[in-house]
Amino acid sequence: MISEETALTFPIEEYGDLNFELTVHDRFGQSRKESRSIHVPLPPAPNSAFIIAAEKLIEGNDIVVTDSSTGVYHSVRYELTTEPKGIVAQSSVDGRITRFSTKQPGKVAITQITEGPGGISRSSQNIEIERRWIPVEAKFDQATVQGVSPLEI
């Protein structure tokens, strides 16, 4: 008996019960079929995680978010809640890094939603965007309320 063994490998694109059929032809023109079924379980739900690049965020700077999710997943998206509304202008994505442009100070809640065949995972972080500079306040005390000018202030 002559044997030429071949191993076939292919990515699993479906989950559940999969049926395979192998047909072997020999050199005498005979063939034989062999059937097998395997069960491919769903992978566990992904683990949603992200990192914000700065300790302190200042208005006008970008919020830089790096996706650090693990597991089997096919999509990652972000939901932002801001107070006041509209303090984050837009976002741009470059691989696993997402940038959100900021317009003014306020509070931002970022929620990441990671979806995969095994389920959905969420993680959230709250950050505060601070004013670029502290506005100057002018205060003065008046020494006398009335009298001949010049009055002392």
N, C-alpha and C. Protein backbone atom coordinates (compact mmCIF):
# COMPACT_ATOMS: atom_id res chain seq x y z
N MET A 1 0.84 -1.18 0.00
CA MET A 1 0.00 0.00 0.00
C MET A 1 0.88 1.24 0.00
N ILE A 2 0.63 2.12 -0.93
CA ILE A 2 1.36 3.38 -1.03
C ILE A 2 0.48 4.47 -0.45
N SER A 3 1.07 5.34 0.36
CA SER A 3 0.30 6.40 0.99
C SER A 3 1.02 7.73 0.84
N GLU A 4 0.31 8.71 0.40
CA GLU A 4 0.82 10.08 0.39
C GLU A 4 -0.11 10.89 1.29
N GLU A 5 0.38 11.18 2.47
CA GLU A 5 -0.47 11.88 3.44
C GLU A 5 -0.48 13.37 3.16
N THR A 6 -1.63 13.95 3.30
CA THR A 6 -1.79 15.39 3.12
C THR A 6 -2.64 15.92 4.27
N ALA A 7 -2.19 17.02 4.82
CA ALA A 7 -2.97 17.67 5.89
C ALA A 7 -3.59 18.93 5.31
N LEU A 8 -4.84 19.11 5.55
CA LEU A 8 -5.54 20.30 5.09
C LEU A 8 -5.85 21.18 6.30
N THR A 9 -5.55 22.43 6.15
CA THR A 9 -5.87 23.37 7.23
C THR A 9 -6.66 24.53 6.62
N PHE A 10 -7.66 24.97 7.32
CA PHE A 10 -8.44 26.09 6.84
C PHE A 10 -9.04 26.81 8.05
N PRO A 11 -9.27 28.12 7.89
CA PRO A 11 -9.84 28.87 9.03
C PRO A 11 -11.31 28.51 9.24
N ILE A 12 -11.70 28.49 10.47
CA ILE A 12 -13.10 28.22 10.81
C ILE A 12 -13.87 29.53 10.64
N GLU A 13 -14.84 29.53 9.77
CA GLU A 13 -15.65 30.71 9.54
C GLU A 13 -17.06 30.55 10.09
N GLU A 14 -17.39 29.34 10.51
CA GLU A 14 -18.71 29.07 11.07
C GLU A 14 -18.54 28.35 12.40
N TYR A 15 -19.57 28.44 13.21
CA TYR A 15 -19.56 27.78 14.51
C TYR A 15 -20.75 26.83 14.57
N GLY A 16 -20.66 25.85 15.42
CA GLY A 16 -21.72 24.85 15.54
C GLY A 16 -21.24 23.51 15.00
N ASP A 17 -22.18 22.68 14.52
CA ASP A 17 -21.84 21.37 13.98
C ASP A 17 -21.45 21.50 12.51
N LEU A 18 -20.23 21.09 12.19
CA LEU A 18 -19.73 21.13 10.81
C LEU A 18 -19.52 19.71 10.32
N ASN A 19 -19.93 19.43 9.09
CA ASN A 19 -19.78 18.11 8.50
C ASN A 19 -18.72 18.15 7.40
N PHE A 20 -17.83 17.16 7.42
CA PHE A 20 -16.76 17.06 6.44
C PHE A 20 -16.87 15.71 5.74
N GLU A 21 -16.53 15.70 4.47
CA GLU A 21 -16.52 14.45 3.72
C GLU A 21 -15.22 14.37 2.94
N LEU A 22 -14.53 13.25 3.07
CA LEU A 22 -13.27 13.01 2.39
C LEU A 22 -13.47 11.87 1.40
N THR A 23 -13.10 12.11 0.16
CA THR A 23 -13.17 11.06 -0.86
C THR A 23 -11.76 10.73 -1.29
N VAL A 24 -11.41 9.44 -1.21
CA VAL A 24 -10.06 8.98 -1.57
C VAL A 24 -10.18 8.13 -2.82
N HIS A 25 -9.37 8.48 -3.81
CA HIS A 25 -9.31 7.69 -5.05
C HIS A 25 -7.97 6.97 -5.09
N ASP A 26 -7.98 5.69 -5.38
CA ASP A 26 -6.70 4.98 -5.48
C ASP A 26 -6.30 4.84 -6.94
N ARG A 27 -5.12 4.27 -7.18
CA ARG A 27 -4.58 4.17 -8.53
C ARG A 27 -5.31 3.14 -9.40
N PHE A 28 -6.18 2.35 -8.81
CA PHE A 28 -6.94 1.35 -9.56
C PHE A 28 -8.32 1.86 -9.96
N GLY A 29 -8.60 3.15 -9.69
CA GLY A 29 -9.87 3.73 -10.07
C GLY A 29 -10.98 3.55 -9.06
N GLN A 30 -10.63 3.01 -7.92
CA GLN A 30 -11.64 2.85 -6.89
C GLN A 30 -11.65 4.06 -5.96
N SER A 31 -12.77 4.33 -5.36
CA SER A 31 -12.86 5.45 -4.43
C SER A 31 -13.60 5.03 -3.16
N ARG A 32 -13.30 5.75 -2.12
CA ARG A 32 -13.93 5.48 -0.84
C ARG A 32 -14.22 6.81 -0.16
N LYS A 33 -15.40 6.90 0.46
CA LYS A 33 -15.78 8.15 1.13
C LYS A 33 -15.78 7.94 2.64
N GLU A 34 -15.37 8.97 3.32
CA GLU A 34 -15.37 8.97 4.79
C GLU A 34 -16.00 10.29 5.24
N SER A 35 -16.95 10.23 6.13
CA SER A 35 -17.62 11.43 6.64
C SER A 35 -17.37 11.58 8.13
N ARG A 36 -17.22 12.83 8.56
CA ARG A 36 -17.03 13.16 9.97
C ARG A 36 -17.75 14.45 10.29
N SER A 37 -18.16 14.56 11.51
CA SER A 37 -18.77 15.80 12.01
C SER A 37 -17.96 16.27 13.21
N ILE A 38 -17.77 17.56 13.29
CA ILE A 38 -17.12 18.13 14.47
C ILE A 38 -17.99 19.28 14.97
N HIS A 39 -17.88 19.54 16.24
CA HIS A 39 -18.60 20.67 16.83
C HIS A 39 -17.58 21.76 17.14
N VAL A 40 -17.81 22.94 16.56
CA VAL A 40 -16.94 24.10 16.81
C VAL A 40 -17.73 25.05 17.71
N PRO A 41 -17.34 25.17 18.98
CA PRO A 41 -18.09 26.04 19.90
C PRO A 41 -17.81 27.52 19.63
N LEU A 42 -18.75 28.35 20.01
CA LEU A 42 -18.54 29.80 19.92
C LEU A 42 -17.38 30.18 20.84
N PRO A 43 -16.55 31.11 20.42
CA PRO A 43 -15.50 31.58 21.34
C PRO A 43 -16.12 32.40 22.46
N PRO A 44 -15.40 32.60 23.55
CA PRO A 44 -15.96 33.45 24.62
C PRO A 44 -16.10 34.89 24.12
N ALA A 45 -16.91 35.68 24.79
CA ALA A 45 -17.10 37.09 24.43
C ALA A 45 -15.76 37.81 24.49
N PRO A 46 -15.54 38.81 23.64
CA PRO A 46 -14.29 39.56 23.69
C PRO A 46 -14.20 40.37 24.98
N ASN A 47 -13.00 40.82 25.29
CA ASN A 47 -12.78 41.69 26.45
C ASN A 47 -12.53 43.10 25.94
N SER A 48 -13.47 43.99 26.19
CA SER A 48 -13.38 45.37 25.76
C SER A 48 -12.42 46.12 26.67
N ALA A 49 -11.49 46.87 26.08
CA ALA A 49 -10.55 47.67 26.86
C ALA A 49 -9.94 48.75 25.97
N PHE A 50 -9.67 49.92 26.56
CA PHE A 50 -9.00 50.98 25.82
C PHE A 50 -8.20 51.85 26.77
N ILE A 51 -7.23 52.57 26.20
CA ILE A 51 -6.33 53.42 26.98
C ILE A 51 -6.44 54.84 26.44
N ILE A 52 -6.53 55.82 27.33
CA ILE A 52 -6.51 57.22 26.94
C ILE A 52 -5.09 57.72 27.16
N ALA A 53 -4.52 58.38 26.15
CA ALA A 53 -3.09 58.68 26.13
C ALA A 53 -2.62 59.74 27.12
N ALA A 54 -3.47 60.62 27.57
CA ALA A 54 -3.01 61.72 28.42
C ALA A 54 -3.64 61.67 29.79
N GLU A 55 -2.87 62.13 30.80
CA GLU A 55 -3.40 62.23 32.15
C GLU A 55 -4.33 63.44 32.26
N LYS A 56 -3.94 64.52 31.57
CA LYS A 56 -4.70 65.77 31.64
C LYS A 56 -5.03 66.19 30.21
N LEU A 57 -6.30 66.46 29.97
CA LEU A 57 -6.72 66.87 28.63
C LEU A 57 -7.09 68.34 28.65
N ILE A 58 -6.63 69.06 27.64
CA ILE A 58 -6.86 70.49 27.55
C ILE A 58 -7.70 70.77 26.30
N GLU A 59 -8.65 71.71 26.39
CA GLU A 59 -9.50 72.03 25.25
C GLU A 59 -8.65 72.34 24.02
N GLY A 60 -9.13 71.86 22.86
CA GLY A 60 -8.39 72.06 21.60
C GLY A 60 -7.48 70.90 21.26
N ASN A 61 -7.06 70.11 22.27
CA ASN A 61 -6.23 68.94 22.02
C ASN A 61 -7.12 67.74 21.70
N ASP A 62 -6.55 66.74 21.05
CA ASP A 62 -7.30 65.52 20.75
C ASP A 62 -7.30 64.57 21.93
N ILE A 63 -8.42 63.87 22.10
CA ILE A 63 -8.47 62.74 23.03
C ILE A 63 -7.98 61.55 22.19
N VAL A 64 -6.85 60.96 22.56
CA VAL A 64 -6.28 59.84 21.79
C VAL A 64 -6.60 58.55 22.54
N VAL A 65 -7.40 57.69 21.90
CA VAL A 65 -7.86 56.44 22.49
C VAL A 65 -7.23 55.28 21.73
N THR A 66 -6.56 54.38 22.46
CA THR A 66 -5.97 53.19 21.85
C THR A 66 -6.77 51.97 22.27
N ASP A 67 -7.25 51.24 21.28
CA ASP A 67 -8.02 50.02 21.52
C ASP A 67 -7.07 48.93 22.00
N SER A 68 -7.35 48.34 23.14
CA SER A 68 -6.54 47.23 23.66
C SER A 68 -7.42 46.02 23.96
N SER A 69 -8.52 45.89 23.20
CA SER A 69 -9.44 44.76 23.37
C SER A 69 -8.74 43.45 23.02
N THR A 70 -9.19 42.37 23.65
CA THR A 70 -8.63 41.05 23.38
C THR A 70 -9.76 40.08 23.07
N GLY A 71 -9.39 38.94 22.51
CA GLY A 71 -10.37 37.92 22.17
C GLY A 71 -10.75 38.00 20.71
N VAL A 72 -11.74 37.21 20.34
CA VAL A 72 -12.22 37.17 18.96
C VAL A 72 -13.33 38.21 18.80
N TYR A 73 -13.07 39.24 17.97
CA TYR A 73 -14.09 40.26 17.74
C TYR A 73 -14.00 40.75 16.31
N HIS A 74 -15.12 41.32 15.84
CA HIS A 74 -15.14 41.82 14.47
C HIS A 74 -15.43 43.30 14.37
N SER A 75 -15.85 43.94 15.46
CA SER A 75 -16.06 45.39 15.39
C SER A 75 -15.86 46.04 16.75
N VAL A 76 -15.37 47.28 16.69
CA VAL A 76 -15.18 48.11 17.88
C VAL A 76 -15.75 49.48 17.54
N ARG A 77 -16.60 50.01 18.43
CA ARG A 77 -17.12 51.35 18.22
C ARG A 77 -17.15 52.08 19.57
N TYR A 78 -17.25 53.40 19.48
CA TYR A 78 -17.27 54.22 20.68
C TYR A 78 -18.54 55.05 20.73
N GLU A 79 -19.07 55.23 21.92
CA GLU A 79 -20.19 56.14 22.16
C GLU A 79 -19.69 57.18 23.15
N LEU A 80 -19.96 58.45 22.86
CA LEU A 80 -19.54 59.54 23.74
C LEU A 80 -20.75 60.26 24.29
N THR A 81 -20.70 60.55 25.59
CA THR A 81 -21.70 61.39 26.23
C THR A 81 -20.92 62.59 26.78
N THR A 82 -21.35 63.79 26.45
CA THR A 82 -20.60 64.97 26.86
C THR A 82 -21.49 65.94 27.63
N GLU A 83 -20.86 66.68 28.53
CA GLU A 83 -21.54 67.74 29.29
C GLU A 83 -20.61 68.94 29.33
N PRO A 84 -20.87 70.03 28.70
CA PRO A 84 -22.04 70.32 27.89
C PRO A 84 -21.99 69.58 26.55
N LYS A 85 -23.11 69.55 25.86
CA LYS A 85 -23.19 68.85 24.58
C LYS A 85 -22.30 69.53 23.55
N GLY A 86 -21.74 68.73 22.67
CA GLY A 86 -20.98 69.28 21.54
C GLY A 86 -19.55 69.65 21.82
N ILE A 87 -18.98 69.24 22.96
CA ILE A 87 -17.59 69.63 23.24
C ILE A 87 -16.58 68.79 22.45
N VAL A 88 -17.03 67.64 21.92
CA VAL A 88 -16.17 66.82 21.07
C VAL A 88 -16.67 66.99 19.64
N ALA A 89 -15.76 67.41 18.73
CA ALA A 89 -16.17 67.78 17.39
C ALA A 89 -16.26 66.60 16.43
N GLN A 90 -15.23 65.80 16.31
CA GLN A 90 -15.19 64.74 15.31
C GLN A 90 -14.20 63.67 15.74
N SER A 91 -14.17 62.57 14.99
CA SER A 91 -13.21 61.51 15.30
C SER A 91 -12.54 61.04 14.01
N SER A 92 -11.33 60.49 14.15
CA SER A 92 -10.63 59.87 13.03
C SER A 92 -10.00 58.58 13.55
N VAL A 93 -9.98 57.56 12.70
CA VAL A 93 -9.48 56.25 13.09
C VAL A 93 -8.26 55.90 12.25
N ASP A 94 -7.21 55.41 12.93
CA ASP A 94 -6.00 54.95 12.25
C ASP A 94 -5.59 53.64 12.91
N GLY A 95 -6.05 52.53 12.36
CA GLY A 95 -5.76 51.23 12.97
C GLY A 95 -6.51 51.09 14.27
N ARG A 96 -5.76 50.87 15.35
CA ARG A 96 -6.39 50.70 16.67
C ARG A 96 -6.43 52.01 17.46
N ILE A 97 -6.06 53.12 16.82
CA ILE A 97 -6.05 54.43 17.50
C ILE A 97 -7.17 55.30 16.94
N THR A 98 -7.98 55.86 17.85
CA THR A 98 -9.05 56.77 17.47
C THR A 98 -8.79 58.11 18.14
N ARG A 99 -8.94 59.19 17.38
CA ARG A 99 -8.74 60.54 17.91
C ARG A 99 -10.06 61.29 17.88
N PHE A 100 -10.38 61.92 19.01
CA PHE A 100 -11.57 62.75 19.11
C PHE A 100 -11.12 64.19 19.30
N SER A 101 -11.53 65.10 18.43
CA SER A 101 -11.17 66.51 18.55
C SER A 101 -12.06 67.17 19.61
N THR A 102 -11.45 68.02 20.43
CA THR A 102 -12.22 68.72 21.47
C THR A 102 -12.32 70.20 21.12
N LYS A 103 -13.44 70.82 21.52
CA LYS A 103 -13.67 72.23 21.21
C LYS A 103 -13.68 73.12 22.45
N GLN A 104 -14.10 72.56 23.59
CA GLN A 104 -14.24 73.38 24.79
C GLN A 104 -14.15 72.49 26.02
N PRO A 105 -14.00 73.08 27.21
CA PRO A 105 -13.91 72.27 28.43
C PRO A 105 -15.24 71.62 28.78
N GLY A 106 -15.15 70.53 29.51
CA GLY A 106 -16.35 69.83 29.96
C GLY A 106 -16.02 68.41 30.36
N LYS A 107 -17.06 67.61 30.56
CA LYS A 107 -16.89 66.21 30.98
C LYS A 107 -17.29 65.30 29.83
N VAL A 108 -16.51 64.22 29.65
CA VAL A 108 -16.77 63.26 28.58
C VAL A 108 -16.78 61.86 29.17
N ALA A 109 -17.81 61.09 28.82
CA ALA A 109 -17.86 59.67 29.15
C ALA A 109 -17.69 58.91 27.84
N ILE A 110 -16.65 58.08 27.76
CA ILE A 110 -16.37 57.30 26.56
C ILE A 110 -16.71 55.84 26.87
N THR A 111 -17.56 55.25 26.05
CA THR A 111 -17.91 53.84 26.18
C THR A 111 -17.48 53.12 24.91
N GLN A 112 -16.72 52.06 25.08
CA GLN A 112 -16.29 51.23 23.95
C GLN A 112 -17.18 49.99 23.91
N ILE A 113 -17.69 49.67 22.73
CA ILE A 113 -18.49 48.47 22.53
C ILE A 113 -17.74 47.57 21.55
N THR A 114 -17.35 46.38 22.03
CA THR A 114 -16.63 45.41 21.21
C THR A 114 -17.56 44.24 20.95
N GLU A 115 -17.77 43.92 19.66
CA GLU A 115 -18.68 42.84 19.29
C GLU A 115 -17.92 41.72 18.61
N GLY A 116 -18.25 40.50 18.99
CA GLY A 116 -17.64 39.32 18.38
C GLY A 116 -18.65 38.20 18.30
N PRO A 117 -18.27 37.05 17.72
CA PRO A 117 -19.21 35.95 17.61
C PRO A 117 -19.65 35.40 18.96
N GLY A 118 -18.83 35.59 19.99
CA GLY A 118 -19.16 35.08 21.32
C GLY A 118 -19.95 36.04 22.17
N GLY A 119 -20.22 37.26 21.67
CA GLY A 119 -21.00 38.21 22.44
C GLY A 119 -20.49 39.64 22.33
N ILE A 120 -20.96 40.47 23.24
CA ILE A 120 -20.62 41.90 23.26
C ILE A 120 -19.99 42.23 24.61
N SER A 121 -18.97 43.09 24.58
CA SER A 121 -18.32 43.55 25.81
C SER A 121 -18.26 45.07 25.77
N ARG A 122 -18.44 45.70 26.94
CA ARG A 122 -18.40 47.16 27.05
C ARG A 122 -17.42 47.57 28.15
N SER A 123 -16.77 48.70 27.93
CA SER A 123 -15.97 49.31 28.99
C SER A 123 -16.12 50.82 28.86
N SER A 124 -16.00 51.54 29.98
CA SER A 124 -16.21 52.99 29.99
C SER A 124 -15.16 53.70 30.81
N GLN A 125 -14.89 54.94 30.44
CA GLN A 125 -14.01 55.81 31.21
C GLN A 125 -14.59 57.22 31.17
N ASN A 126 -14.45 57.93 32.28
CA ASN A 126 -14.87 59.32 32.36
C ASN A 126 -13.64 60.20 32.42
N ILE A 127 -13.65 61.27 31.64
CA ILE A 127 -12.52 62.21 31.65
C ILE A 127 -13.05 63.63 31.68
N GLU A 128 -12.19 64.54 32.07
CA GLU A 128 -12.55 65.95 32.08
C GLU A 128 -11.58 66.71 31.20
N ILE A 129 -12.14 67.56 30.35
CA ILE A 129 -11.33 68.41 29.49
C ILE A 129 -11.26 69.76 30.17
N GLU A 130 -10.04 70.22 30.42
CA GLU A 130 -9.85 71.47 31.15
C GLU A 130 -9.64 72.64 30.19
N ARG A 131 -9.90 73.82 30.71
CA ARG A 131 -9.69 75.04 29.92
C ARG A 131 -8.19 75.22 29.68
N ARG A 132 -7.87 75.74 28.50
CA ARG A 132 -6.47 75.95 28.13
C ARG A 132 -5.78 76.92 29.09
N TRP A 133 -6.47 77.94 29.47
CA TRP A 133 -5.93 78.88 30.45
C TRP A 133 -7.05 79.27 31.42
N ILE A 134 -6.65 79.75 32.55
CA ILE A 134 -7.63 80.19 33.54
C ILE A 134 -7.94 81.66 33.27
N PRO A 135 -9.20 82.00 33.07
CA PRO A 135 -9.52 83.41 32.77
C PRO A 135 -9.15 84.32 33.95
N VAL A 136 -8.71 85.50 33.61
CA VAL A 136 -8.30 86.48 34.62
C VAL A 136 -9.55 87.11 35.23
N GLU A 137 -9.52 87.25 36.56
CA GLU A 137 -10.62 87.92 37.24
C GLU A 137 -10.10 89.24 37.80
N ALA A 138 -10.85 90.28 37.59
CA ALA A 138 -10.46 91.58 38.12
C ALA A 138 -11.35 91.89 39.32
N LYS A 139 -10.71 92.22 40.46
CA LYS A 139 -11.44 92.59 41.66
C LYS A 139 -10.76 93.83 42.26
N PHE A 140 -11.56 94.65 42.85
CA PHE A 140 -10.97 95.79 43.53
C PHE A 140 -11.87 96.20 44.70
N ASP A 141 -11.27 96.88 45.65
CA ASP A 141 -12.01 97.40 46.80
C ASP A 141 -11.93 98.92 46.76
N GLN A 142 -13.04 99.50 47.07
CA GLN A 142 -13.12 100.94 47.09
C GLN A 142 -12.96 101.39 48.54
N ALA A 143 -11.98 102.28 48.79
CA ALA A 143 -11.71 102.72 50.15
C ALA A 143 -12.80 103.66 50.66
N THR A 144 -13.20 104.61 49.88
CA THR A 144 -14.27 105.53 50.28
C THR A 144 -15.33 105.55 49.19
N VAL A 145 -16.55 105.76 49.60
CA VAL A 145 -17.65 105.72 48.67
C VAL A 145 -17.88 107.08 48.01
N GLN A 146 -17.55 108.15 48.74
CA GLN A 146 -17.75 109.47 48.19
C GLN A 146 -16.64 110.41 48.64
N GLY A 147 -16.58 111.50 47.99
CA GLY A 147 -15.55 112.48 48.35
C GLY A 147 -15.08 113.19 47.11
N VAL A 148 -14.00 113.99 47.31
CA VAL A 148 -13.42 114.77 46.19
C VAL A 148 -12.42 113.89 45.48
N SER A 149 -12.45 113.95 44.14
CA SER A 149 -11.53 113.09 43.37
C SER A 149 -10.11 113.59 43.53
N PRO A 150 -9.10 112.82 43.37
CA PRO A 150 -9.18 111.38 43.09
C PRO A 150 -9.49 110.58 44.35
N LEU A 151 -10.33 109.55 44.19
CA LEU A 151 -10.67 108.66 45.31
C LEU A 151 -9.71 107.47 45.31
N GLU A 152 -9.40 106.96 46.46
CA GLU A 152 -8.46 105.85 46.58
C GLU A 152 -9.19 104.52 46.30
N ILE A 153 -8.57 103.70 45.45
CA ILE A 153 -9.13 102.38 45.13
C ILE A 153 -8.10 101.33 45.48
